[in-house]
Amino acid sequence: MTKLRHDGAPFIVQTSIDKEVRVNTRSEYKPASEKSVKALDRELKEHHRLVLYEWGMYELTTNKYTANYNHSNLVLLVDVPDDRTVNCFGNITLWLSPSGPLQADFLQAKEKPTKAQLSALGWRKVDIGTTPERNVPVHGGLQATRMMYSLKHIGDFSADLTTS
């Protein structure tokens, strides 16, 4: 299993599915060029690579009124989803932070709270899927689209990834 080097926590790296097509044609989408991927990274909130790791904190990038959450809400990944779910972009379960100032001191503690304790602290379980696809003009008469989870890392995230 691949692990984060700093603490051995399990994780999965998901890469977006980026496609491009010439504007105003009936052509089929094809895999996006590196230039189009970089343009999508600049234009969209979701980066082309997302590291899903145990007890990771993320920011939502879309609204879902039926689930009562909005973009910029913070969510916590307690359990890393299985490879199969992530590979097919299935919904993943995260915990939505309660409104008000973030109380997440437990993230620094060695022993993490149970799901029942999280619930008692006001955290709420939500299922998150992918962002709605939209065409983005990228360069040279092309438009591109990205399939990725509606999440982004908080702040500047970098991980030293190793395999064991």
Foldseek 3Di string as FASTA:
>chain_A
DKAFVPPRWDKDKAFKFKWKDFPPDPDDTDGDDPQQLVQCCVVAPDHRIDIGTAQAKKFFQADDVVQPDGGRFIWTHHDHDDPVCRVVQHWDKIKTAAPDDGDPPQSVPPDHDDPVVRVVNPIHIDIWGWDDWDWDDRDDRMTMTITDIRIDHPDDDDTDIDGD
